[in-house]
N, C-alpha and C. Protein backbone atom coordinates (compact mmCIF):
# COMPACT_ATOMS: atom_id res chain seq x y z
N MET A 1 96.70 116.13 92.91
CA MET A 1 98.71 116.32 93.26
C MET A 1 99.15 117.41 92.38
N SER A 2 99.56 117.16 92.02
CA SER A 2 100.82 117.54 90.39
C SER A 2 101.10 118.91 91.02
N THR A 3 101.25 119.62 91.96
CA THR A 3 102.13 120.28 92.17
C THR A 3 103.45 119.91 91.79
N SER A 4 104.75 121.34 90.99
CA SER A 4 105.83 120.08 91.37
C SER A 4 106.46 119.99 92.64
N ILE A 5 106.15 120.55 93.91
CA ILE A 5 106.77 120.49 94.60
C ILE A 5 106.33 118.98 95.55
N GLU A 6 105.06 118.09 94.68
CA GLU A 6 104.78 117.27 95.16
C GLU A 6 105.48 115.84 94.55
N LEU A 7 105.35 116.60 93.00
CA LEU A 7 105.28 115.18 92.06
C LEU A 7 107.56 115.34 92.11
N VAL A 8 107.99 116.43 93.00
CA VAL A 8 109.72 116.14 93.30
C VAL A 8 109.99 115.10 94.91
N ALA A 9 108.14 115.19 95.62
CA ALA A 9 108.59 114.70 96.76
C ALA A 9 107.91 113.16 96.29
N LEU A 10 107.31 113.10 95.60
CA LEU A 10 106.71 111.52 94.77
C LEU A 10 108.10 111.01 94.38
N ASP A 11 108.55 111.80 93.79
CA ASP A 11 109.94 111.27 92.76
C ASP A 11 111.26 110.50 93.61
N ARG A 12 111.39 111.81 94.81
CA ARG A 12 112.28 111.29 95.54
C ARG A 12 111.91 109.90 96.64
N MET A 13 110.09 110.09 96.70
CA MET A 13 110.12 108.34 97.14
C MET A 13 110.12 107.49 96.81
N LEU A 14 110.15 107.08 95.84
CA LEU A 14 109.89 106.57 95.07
C LEU A 14 111.86 105.58 94.27
N ASP A 15 112.55 106.60 94.67
CA ASP A 15 113.77 105.91 95.05
C ASP A 15 114.41 104.83 95.25
N PRO A 16 114.05 104.84 96.73
CA PRO A 16 114.28 103.24 97.45
C PRO A 16 113.70 101.98 96.83
N LEU A 17 112.61 102.81 95.98
CA LEU A 17 111.88 101.36 95.07
C LEU A 17 111.82 100.97 94.25
N ALA A 18 112.53 102.05 93.49
CA ALA A 18 113.83 102.41 92.20
C ALA A 18 114.95 100.83 92.55
N GLU A 19 115.51 100.92 93.82
CA GLU A 19 116.99 100.70 93.82
C GLU A 19 116.78 98.84 93.62
N ILE A 20 115.37 98.34 94.02
CA ILE A 20 115.20 97.07 94.41
C ILE A 20 114.55 96.07 93.04
N LEU A 21 114.39 97.08 92.04
CA LEU A 21 114.02 96.59 90.32
C LEU A 21 115.11 95.77 90.16
N SER A 22 113.96 94.39 89.74
CA SER A 22 115.19 93.78 88.80
C SER A 22 114.68 94.24 87.42
N PRO A 23 115.87 94.11 86.64
CA PRO A 23 115.81 94.72 84.58
C PRO A 23 114.31 94.61 84.01
N GLU A 24 113.80 92.76 84.96
CA GLU A 24 112.33 92.24 84.32
C GLU A 24 111.20 93.15 84.43
N VAL A 25 111.09 93.67 85.92
CA VAL A 25 110.35 94.06 86.30
C VAL A 25 110.43 95.56 85.89
N ALA A 26 111.39 96.24 85.85
CA ALA A 26 111.80 97.13 85.19
C ALA A 26 110.82 97.03 83.52
N ARG A 27 111.45 96.39 83.10
CA ARG A 27 110.52 96.42 81.37
C ARG A 27 109.62 96.71 81.51
N GLY A 28 108.69 95.79 82.80
CA GLY A 28 107.37 95.41 82.90
C GLY A 28 106.69 96.86 83.01
N ILE A 29 107.39 97.63 83.84
CA ILE A 29 106.88 99.01 84.85
C ILE A 29 106.86 99.94 83.06
N VAL A 30 108.31 99.99 82.63
CA VAL A 30 107.86 101.10 80.97
C VAL A 30 106.96 100.15 80.43
N GLY A 31 106.61 99.28 80.25
CA GLY A 31 105.37 98.97 79.26
C GLY A 31 103.65 98.91 80.01
N MET A 32 104.23 99.77 80.79
CA MET A 32 102.99 99.58 81.76
C MET A 32 102.13 100.82 79.98
N ARG A 33 100.68 100.27 80.07
CA ARG A 33 99.22 101.31 79.01
C ARG A 33 98.23 100.65 79.63
N ALA A 34 97.53 102.06 80.02
CA ALA A 34 95.92 102.01 79.83
C ALA A 34 95.28 101.34 78.85
N ASP A 35 94.74 100.30 79.65
CA ASP A 35 93.76 99.64 78.79
C ASP A 35 92.88 100.40 78.04
N PRO A 36 92.66 99.69 76.58
CA PRO A 36 91.61 101.07 75.91
C PRO A 36 90.21 101.48 76.52
N TYR A 37 89.37 101.29 76.92
CA TYR A 37 88.73 101.60 78.00
C TYR A 37 89.25 103.19 78.45
N LEU A 38 90.02 102.79 79.03
CA LEU A 38 90.22 103.49 80.29
C LEU A 38 91.10 104.50 79.65
N GLN A 39 91.46 104.50 78.74
CA GLN A 39 92.20 105.34 77.44
C GLN A 39 91.50 106.37 77.20
N ALA A 40 89.86 105.28 76.76
CA ALA A 40 88.92 106.62 76.29
C ALA A 40 88.37 107.45 77.01
N ARG A 41 88.34 106.67 78.42
CA ARG A 41 87.51 107.94 79.21
C ARG A 41 88.77 108.53 79.67
N VAL A 42 89.65 108.22 79.55
CA VAL A 42 90.67 109.76 80.26
C VAL A 42 90.66 110.73 79.37
N ASP A 43 90.53 110.31 77.75
CA ASP A 43 90.46 111.13 76.87
C ASP A 43 89.43 112.13 76.77
N GLU A 44 88.02 111.36 77.20
CA GLU A 44 87.12 111.85 76.69
C GLU A 44 86.80 112.82 77.92
N LEU A 45 87.17 112.52 79.11
CA LEU A 45 87.67 113.71 80.20
C LEU A 45 88.44 114.40 79.77
N ALA A 46 89.56 114.59 79.20
CA ALA A 46 90.25 115.74 79.01
C ALA A 46 90.31 116.91 78.49
N SER A 47 89.23 116.24 77.31
CA SER A 47 88.56 116.52 76.36
C SER A 47 87.25 117.71 76.97
N LYS A 48 86.55 116.66 77.56
CA LYS A 48 85.53 117.73 78.55
C LYS A 48 86.53 118.86 79.84
N ALA A 49 86.95 118.71 79.99
CA ALA A 49 88.39 119.23 80.42
C ALA A 49 88.83 120.91 79.71
N ASN A 50 88.66 120.50 78.70
CA ASN A 50 89.43 121.65 77.84
C ASN A 50 88.41 122.89 77.44
N GLU A 51 86.99 122.10 77.29
CA GLU A 51 86.36 122.98 76.68
C GLU A 51 85.57 123.32 78.18
N GLY A 52 86.03 123.20 79.26
CA GLY A 52 85.21 123.70 80.73
C GLY A 52 83.57 122.81 80.96
N GLN A 53 83.46 121.88 80.14
CA GLN A 53 82.98 121.03 80.62
C GLN A 53 82.36 119.68 81.60
N LEU A 54 83.50 120.20 82.60
CA LEU A 54 83.19 118.67 83.68
C LEU A 54 82.81 119.52 84.33
N THR A 55 81.46 117.85 84.66
CA THR A 55 80.68 118.19 86.19
C THR A 55 81.49 117.97 87.12
N GLU A 56 81.06 118.27 88.50
CA GLU A 56 82.19 118.59 89.89
C GLU A 56 82.39 117.04 89.76
N GLU A 57 81.42 115.99 89.39
CA GLU A 57 82.39 114.03 90.08
C GLU A 57 82.91 114.23 88.84
N GLU A 58 82.91 114.51 86.96
CA GLU A 58 83.65 113.95 86.37
C GLU A 58 85.62 114.83 86.88
N ARG A 59 85.27 116.34 87.70
CA ARG A 59 86.54 116.76 87.50
C ARG A 59 87.44 115.45 88.69
N HIS A 60 86.79 115.49 89.73
CA HIS A 60 87.16 114.97 90.71
C HIS A 60 87.85 113.34 90.14
N GLU A 61 87.27 112.36 89.21
CA GLU A 61 87.59 111.88 88.11
C GLU A 61 88.81 111.62 87.32
N TYR A 62 88.54 112.84 86.75
CA TYR A 62 89.45 113.32 86.08
C TYR A 62 91.61 113.76 87.17
N GLU A 63 91.19 114.28 87.88
CA GLU A 63 92.32 114.65 88.60
C GLU A 63 93.18 113.73 89.45
N ASP A 64 91.53 112.51 89.40
CA ASP A 64 92.42 111.39 90.07
C ASP A 64 93.20 110.44 88.89
N TYR A 65 92.74 110.37 88.05
CA TYR A 65 93.23 109.67 86.79
C TYR A 65 95.06 110.63 86.28
N VAL A 66 94.55 111.61 85.91
CA VAL A 66 95.95 112.85 86.53
C VAL A 66 97.06 112.52 87.32
N ASP A 67 96.56 112.04 88.66
CA ASP A 67 97.34 112.14 89.28
C ASP A 67 97.96 110.39 89.48
N ALA A 68 97.18 109.79 89.24
CA ALA A 68 97.92 108.00 88.75
C ALA A 68 98.56 108.43 87.32
N ILE A 69 98.70 109.27 86.81
CA ILE A 69 99.36 108.65 85.45
C ILE A 69 100.14 109.90 85.84
N ASP A 70 101.18 110.82 86.58
CA ASP A 70 102.04 111.26 87.65
C ASP A 70 102.79 110.61 88.02
N PHE A 71 101.87 109.46 89.02
CA PHE A 71 103.13 108.40 89.50
C PHE A 71 102.99 107.48 88.55
N ILE A 72 102.66 107.16 88.04
CA ILE A 72 102.98 105.85 86.98
C ILE A 72 104.36 106.80 86.37
N GLY A 73 103.62 107.70 85.85
CA GLY A 73 105.18 108.60 84.74
C GLY A 73 106.45 108.77 85.11
N ILE A 74 106.73 108.81 86.39
CA ILE A 74 107.78 109.26 87.24
C ILE A 74 108.41 107.65 87.30
N PHE A 75 107.06 106.57 87.93
CA PHE A 75 107.66 105.50 88.28
C PHE A 75 108.36 104.92 87.17
N GLN A 76 107.91 104.85 85.86
CA GLN A 76 108.67 104.37 84.56
C GLN A 76 109.88 105.03 84.15
N ALA A 77 109.81 106.53 84.59
CA ALA A 77 110.98 107.24 84.45
C ALA A 77 112.75 106.26 84.92
N LYS A 78 111.97 106.02 86.56
CA LYS A 78 112.45 105.39 87.45
C LYS A 78 113.00 103.95 86.93
N ALA A 79 111.99 103.05 86.31
CA ALA A 79 112.07 101.97 85.82
C ALA A 79 113.36 101.84 84.45
N ARG A 80 113.05 103.43 83.62
CA ARG A 80 114.14 103.06 82.39
C ARG A 80 115.54 103.73 82.91
N THR A 81 115.58 104.11 83.76
CA THR A 81 116.82 104.61 84.68
C THR A 81 117.57 103.27 85.14
N VAL A 82 116.80 102.47 85.44
CA VAL A 82 117.46 100.68 86.28
C VAL A 82 117.42 100.20 84.71
N LEU A 83 117.36 100.60 84.06
CA LEU A 83 117.33 99.56 82.97
C LEU A 83 118.25 100.62 81.65
N GLU A 84 118.32 101.51 81.88
CA GLU A 84 119.71 102.20 81.18
C GLU A 84 121.23 101.97 82.56
N ARG A 85 120.77 101.06 83.78
CA ARG A 85 122.12 101.49 83.94
C ARG A 85 122.75 100.47 83.69
N THR A 86 122.03 98.72 83.54
CA THR A 86 122.01 97.66 83.28
C THR A 86 122.69 97.77 82.06
N MET A 87 122.46 98.23 81.28
CA MET A 87 122.50 98.18 79.88
C MET A 87 124.65 98.59 79.89
N ASN A 88 124.66 99.74 81.00
CA ASN A 88 125.72 100.17 81.24
C ASN A 88 127.29 99.07 81.75
N ASP A 89 126.80 98.30 82.49
CA ASP A 89 126.85 97.51 83.40
C ASP A 89 127.64 96.50 82.53
């Protein structure tokens, strides 16, 4: 995924979902973090990618993580907007 066109499309596709978030659910989404094992794996793959040492299988795995991180990041931004709107009401 990760092209700017795809990220813009994903951002727009998540708008309706963000509109139905309660503040409690929005706070949960904003607070989402990878568990330590998963974070360590992503860090390991990122390091290998920077060094040009990923196998083909690892490259696919890393790309999947990057796509998921992009999705979660956009959704967290939507959730932050919900919380900001709630505080300003």
